[in-house]
Amino acid sequence: MVKIIIFSAVAGIVGMGLGGLVSAVLLKKPSENMICWLLSFAAGIMVSIACFGLVTETLALADPFVCVLGLVIGIVVIMILNRITDRITETKEEKLKIHHTHEELYHASEIIKNPKEMLRSGILMFIAIALHNVPEGMAIGAGGTHDSRLGLLLTAMIAFHNIPEGMAVAAPLLAGGVNRWKVVILTSIAGGTTLLGGLIGAMIGNISDFAIALSLSSAGGAMLYIVFGEILPQFTVMTKSRTASIITLFGIIVGFLITLMG
């Protein structure tokens, strides 16, 4: 269990914190296009994790029906949680069906101007990040319980994915005048939900091979929905080009090569 906690902390807290640090120290306020491209590449890495890591390991532990069942469960759960988040953040004047900025994508469309608005936007941001990080933690927990090498590989790839995600969280905070070191701390804390996912994945994974297979494929389904149901469609709207899709494909190839080397 200690191993899973360390893996999850590195992937979530360190990964997100590094993203916040890059924004706070080097870029201050990264452009929309830069965040789109970085997150698109990271999305490709996530697809590789799901398809070449989680699904492959699932099929080694159980039959294809279990794999398909887990994928469907993961997709449905994230769809429901995303809908709940959208309901919470919707107002009569604004329905977040199409997001035109990365702040809207992460359900925090208002730029922070005072402490009260910072608190509201921060809560919404934390809810959205929790949706993205919990299934990633589950993958690490279940994968690390099954095979330490798989857990380590997932940790490295998810940490890399979380760097641009941390940048996306940090950008509106910096624009709102929040102290840059506080921003780094906040983005690190936002990655802490990966720990929760890691513990859930580890507990489920300790039950049986069937439980490990189902949790791995469920985490994979959740990741695939985040990429194809959230990131790619919205970034295509934001950039008005196919660049995000091309960069995602490049990320898939790089992720596949990393998986082979692992």
Protein backbone atom coordinates (compact mmCIF):
# COMPACT_ATOMS: atom_id res chain seq x y z
CA MET A 1 0.00 0.00 0.00
CA VAL A 2 2.91 2.36 0.75
CA LYS A 3 4.17 1.80 -2.78
CA ILE A 4 0.79 2.76 -4.25
CA ILE A 5 0.65 5.90 -2.12
CA ILE A 6 4.09 6.96 -3.35
CA PHE A 7 3.22 6.21 -6.99
CA SER A 8 -0.08 8.12 -6.75
CA ALA A 9 1.54 11.08 -5.00
CA VAL A 10 4.24 11.38 -7.66
CA ALA A 11 1.75 11.15 -10.53
CA GLY A 12 -0.83 13.52 -9.05
CA ILE A 13 0.78 15.93 -6.60
CA VAL A 14 4.22 16.17 -8.22
CA GLY A 15 2.88 16.14 -11.79
CA MET A 16 0.26 18.83 -11.16
CA GLY A 17 2.69 20.82 -9.00
CA LEU A 18 5.30 20.86 -11.76
CA GLY A 19 2.68 22.20 -14.16
CA GLY A 20 1.83 24.96 -11.71
CA LEU A 21 5.54 25.70 -11.21
CA VAL A 22 6.14 25.98 -14.97
CA SER A 23 3.27 28.44 -15.30
CA ALA A 24 4.21 30.44 -12.19
CA VAL A 25 7.95 30.72 -12.76
CA LEU A 26 8.61 30.35 -16.48
CA LEU A 27 5.48 31.26 -18.44
CA LYS A 28 3.46 33.36 -15.95
CA LYS A 29 0.42 33.27 -18.27
CA PRO A 30 0.64 30.55 -20.94
CA SER A 31 -1.35 31.15 -24.12
CA GLU A 32 -4.56 29.28 -24.94
CA ASN A 33 -2.93 27.56 -27.91
CA MET A 34 0.06 26.41 -25.86
CA ILE A 35 -2.17 24.83 -23.23
CA CYS A 36 -4.33 23.23 -25.95
CA TRP A 37 -1.33 21.68 -27.69
CA LEU A 38 0.30 20.44 -24.50
CA LEU A 39 -2.93 18.92 -23.23
CA SER A 40 -3.60 17.38 -26.65
CA PHE A 41 -0.19 15.67 -26.57
CA ALA A 42 -0.86 14.54 -23.00
CA ALA A 43 -4.26 13.21 -24.16
CA GLY A 44 -2.43 11.04 -26.69
CA ILE A 45 -0.27 9.69 -23.87
CA MET A 46 -3.48 8.91 -21.97
CA VAL A 47 -4.91 6.97 -24.93
CA SER A 48 -1.71 4.90 -25.03
CA ILE A 49 -2.01 4.20 -21.30
CA ALA A 50 -5.58 3.00 -21.77
CA CYS A 51 -5.12 0.94 -24.94
CA PHE A 52 -1.58 -0.43 -24.72
CA GLY A 53 -1.31 -0.66 -20.95
CA LEU A 54 -4.63 -1.08 -19.16
CA VAL A 55 -6.56 -2.98 -21.83
CA THR A 56 -3.62 -5.29 -22.54
CA GLU A 57 -3.21 -6.14 -18.86
CA THR A 58 -6.96 -6.65 -18.51
CA LEU A 59 -7.00 -9.19 -21.33
CA ALA A 60 -4.11 -11.04 -19.67
CA LEU A 61 -6.19 -11.43 -16.49
CA ALA A 62 -9.73 -11.96 -17.81
CA ASP A 63 -11.74 -12.60 -20.97
CA PRO A 64 -12.70 -9.84 -23.43
CA PHE A 65 -16.22 -9.55 -21.96
CA VAL A 66 -14.77 -8.31 -18.65
CA CYS A 67 -12.62 -5.81 -20.54
CA VAL A 68 -15.61 -4.45 -22.47
CA LEU A 69 -17.73 -4.34 -19.31
CA GLY A 70 -15.05 -2.35 -17.49
CA LEU A 71 -14.64 0.09 -20.36
CA VAL A 72 -18.38 0.73 -20.43
CA ILE A 73 -18.51 1.21 -16.64
CA GLY A 74 -15.66 3.71 -16.74
CA ILE A 75 -17.23 5.70 -19.58
CA VAL A 76 -20.68 5.80 -17.96
CA VAL A 77 -19.35 6.81 -14.53
CA ILE A 78 -17.36 9.75 -15.93
CA MET A 79 -20.29 10.82 -18.11
CA ILE A 80 -22.50 10.94 -15.02
CA LEU A 81 -19.93 12.77 -12.90
CA ASN A 82 -19.26 15.28 -15.69
CA ARG A 83 -22.98 15.91 -16.02
CA ILE A 84 -23.24 16.53 -12.28
CA THR A 85 -20.33 18.99 -12.48
CA ASP A 86 -21.92 20.80 -15.43
CA ARG A 87 -25.21 21.07 -13.54
CA ILE A 88 -23.40 22.59 -10.55
CA THR A 89 -21.57 25.15 -12.70
CA GLU A 90 -24.42 26.05 -15.08
CA THR A 91 -26.21 29.36 -14.65
CA LYS A 92 -29.31 30.74 -16.37
CA GLU A 93 -27.09 32.98 -18.49
CA GLU A 94 -24.48 30.37 -19.37
CA LYS A 95 -24.76 26.74 -20.35
CA LEU A 96 -21.38 25.07 -20.65
CA LYS A 97 -22.22 22.70 -23.49
CA ILE A 98 -19.45 24.07 -25.72
CA HIS A 99 -16.32 25.39 -24.05
CA HIS A 100 -14.34 28.12 -25.80
CA THR A 101 -11.48 28.52 -23.30
CA HIS A 102 -9.53 26.12 -21.12
CA GLU A 103 -11.11 27.78 -18.05
CA GLU A 104 -14.56 26.78 -19.34
CA LEU A 105 -13.30 23.29 -20.16
CA TYR A 106 -12.30 22.89 -16.53
CA HIS A 107 -15.62 24.35 -15.32
CA ALA A 108 -14.12 27.61 -14.02
CA SER A 109 -14.89 30.15 -16.71
CA GLU A 110 -14.76 33.24 -14.51
CA ILE A 111 -11.35 34.91 -14.17
CA ILE A 112 -10.63 35.40 -10.49
CA LYS A 113 -10.83 39.06 -9.38
CA ASN A 114 -11.32 38.89 -5.60
CA PRO A 115 -11.02 36.32 -2.80
CA LYS A 116 -14.71 35.34 -2.93
CA GLU A 117 -14.59 34.64 -6.66
CA MET A 118 -11.29 32.79 -6.15
CA LEU A 119 -12.95 30.52 -3.59
CA ARG A 120 -15.91 29.76 -5.89
CA SER A 121 -13.74 29.13 -8.95
CA GLY A 122 -11.28 27.14 -6.86
CA ILE A 123 -14.02 24.81 -5.62
CA LEU A 124 -15.31 24.25 -9.16
CA MET A 125 -11.78 23.66 -10.42
CA PHE A 126 -11.11 21.11 -7.69
CA ILE A 127 -14.31 19.22 -8.60
CA ALA A 128 -13.29 19.07 -12.26
CA ILE A 129 -9.72 18.01 -11.51
CA ALA A 130 -11.04 15.31 -9.18
CA LEU A 131 -12.99 13.84 -12.10
CA HIS A 132 -9.85 13.65 -14.19
CA ASN A 133 -7.45 12.42 -11.50
CA VAL A 134 -9.46 9.75 -9.67
CA PRO A 135 -9.55 7.25 -12.58
CA GLU A 136 -5.86 7.92 -13.18
CA GLY A 137 -5.18 7.04 -9.55
CA MET A 138 -7.31 3.91 -9.89
CA ALA A 139 -5.17 2.82 -12.82
CA ILE A 140 -2.02 3.27 -10.75
CA GLY A 141 -3.52 1.49 -7.73
CA ALA A 142 -4.83 -1.51 -9.64
CA GLY A 143 -1.85 -1.67 -12.00
CA GLY A 144 0.72 -1.34 -9.23
CA THR A 145 -1.02 -4.04 -7.18
CA HIS A 146 -0.88 -6.39 -10.15
CA ASP A 147 2.65 -5.54 -11.34
CA SER A 148 5.12 -3.02 -9.87
CA ARG A 149 6.64 -2.32 -13.30
CA LEU A 150 3.20 -1.50 -14.72
CA GLY A 151 2.50 0.75 -11.74
CA LEU A 152 5.79 2.59 -12.24
CA LEU A 153 5.17 3.02 -15.97
CA LEU A 154 1.65 4.34 -15.35
CA THR A 155 3.02 6.72 -12.71
CA ALA A 156 5.55 8.21 -15.12
CA MET A 157 3.08 8.61 -17.98
CA ILE A 158 0.28 10.03 -15.83
CA ALA A 159 2.70 12.46 -14.14
CA PHE A 160 3.70 13.69 -17.59
CA HIS A 161 0.03 14.05 -18.52
CA ASN A 162 -0.64 16.07 -15.36
CA ILE A 163 2.02 18.73 -16.09
CA PRO A 164 0.01 20.59 -18.78
CA GLU A 165 -3.14 19.98 -16.72
CA GLY A 166 -1.45 21.78 -13.83
CA MET A 167 -0.59 24.62 -16.20
CA ALA A 168 -4.25 24.88 -17.21
CA VAL A 169 -5.30 25.12 -13.58
CA ALA A 170 -2.58 27.66 -12.72
CA ALA A 171 -3.23 30.05 -15.61
CA PRO A 172 -6.56 31.57 -14.41
CA LEU A 173 -5.26 31.78 -10.84
CA LEU A 174 -2.21 33.74 -11.98
CA ALA A 175 -4.40 35.95 -14.17
CA GLY A 176 -6.50 36.71 -11.10
CA GLY A 177 -3.49 37.96 -9.16
CA VAL A 178 -2.94 34.99 -6.85
CA ASN A 179 0.64 34.75 -5.52
CA ARG A 180 2.63 32.43 -7.79
CA TRP A 181 3.89 30.25 -4.91
CA LYS A 182 0.36 29.86 -3.61
CA VAL A 183 -0.61 28.80 -7.13
CA VAL A 184 2.05 26.07 -7.08
CA ILE A 185 0.72 24.82 -3.73
CA LEU A 186 -2.90 24.89 -4.92
CA THR A 187 -2.15 22.96 -8.11
CA SER A 188 -0.22 20.37 -6.09
CA ILE A 189 -3.17 19.96 -3.73
CA ALA A 190 -5.50 19.58 -6.73
CA GLY A 191 -3.45 16.56 -7.78
CA GLY A 192 -4.07 14.95 -4.40
CA THR A 193 -7.26 13.30 -5.64
CA THR A 194 -4.99 10.86 -7.46
CA LEU A 195 -4.18 9.43 -4.02
CA LEU A 196 -7.86 8.65 -3.45
CA GLY A 197 -8.07 6.88 -6.79
CA GLY A 198 -4.87 4.99 -6.03
CA LEU A 199 -6.21 3.70 -2.72
CA ILE A 200 -9.52 2.68 -4.33
CA GLY A 201 -7.69 0.87 -7.12
CA ALA A 202 -5.38 -0.90 -4.66
CA MET A 203 -8.25 -2.06 -2.42
CA ILE A 204 -10.23 -3.37 -5.39
CA GLY A 205 -7.12 -4.94 -6.87
CA ASN A 206 -6.40 -6.92 -3.70
CA ILE A 207 -9.70 -8.79 -3.99
CA SER A 208 -9.04 -11.00 -7.03
CA ASP A 209 -7.71 -11.06 -10.59
CA PHE A 210 -11.25 -10.37 -11.80
CA ALA A 211 -11.43 -7.24 -9.63
CA ILE A 212 -8.03 -6.07 -10.89
CA ALA A 213 -9.11 -6.62 -14.50
CA LEU A 214 -12.40 -4.76 -13.99
CA SER A 215 -10.75 -1.81 -12.23
CA LEU A 216 -8.00 -1.54 -14.87
CA SER A 217 -10.48 -1.56 -17.76
CA SER A 218 -12.82 0.85 -15.93
CA ALA A 219 -9.96 3.30 -15.46
CA GLY A 220 -9.14 2.88 -19.14
CA GLY A 221 -12.73 3.61 -20.16
CA ALA A 222 -12.76 6.73 -17.99
CA MET A 223 -9.54 7.97 -19.58
CA LEU A 224 -10.80 7.35 -23.10
CA TYR A 225 -14.00 9.29 -22.41
CA ILE A 226 -12.02 12.23 -20.99
CA VAL A 227 -9.92 12.34 -24.18
CA PHE A 228 -12.60 11.75 -26.82
CA GLY A 229 -15.61 13.19 -25.02
CA GLU A 230 -14.01 16.28 -23.48
CA ILE A 231 -10.49 17.26 -24.55
CA LEU A 232 -10.39 16.69 -28.32
CA PRO A 233 -13.87 18.05 -29.24
CA GLN A 234 -13.40 21.18 -27.15
CA PHE A 235 -9.85 21.88 -28.31
CA THR A 236 -10.99 21.54 -31.92
CA VAL A 237 -13.57 24.26 -31.18
CA MET A 238 -11.01 26.43 -29.40
CA THR A 239 -8.24 26.21 -32.03
CA LYS A 240 -10.58 25.93 -35.06
CA SER A 241 -8.15 23.49 -36.70
CA ARG A 242 -7.09 19.84 -36.75
CA THR A 243 -3.82 20.67 -34.99
CA ALA A 244 -5.00 19.29 -31.64
CA SER A 245 -5.94 15.96 -33.24
CA ILE A 246 -2.60 15.68 -35.04
CA ILE A 247 -0.69 16.42 -31.84
CA THR A 248 -2.80 13.83 -30.00
CA LEU A 249 -1.88 11.21 -32.61
CA PHE A 250 1.79 12.06 -32.10
CA GLY A 251 1.23 11.65 -28.35
CA ILE A 252 -0.30 8.20 -28.93
CA ILE A 253 2.77 7.11 -30.89
CA VAL A 254 5.17 8.41 -28.24
CA GLY A 255 3.11 6.75 -25.51
CA PHE A 256 3.15 3.45 -27.41
CA LEU A 257 6.94 3.57 -27.72
CA ILE A 258 7.28 4.32 -23.99
CA THR A 259 4.98 1.37 -23.23
CA LEU A 260 7.16 -0.92 -25.34
CA MET A 261 10.31 0.22 -23.55
CA GLY A 262 8.60 -0.30 -20.18
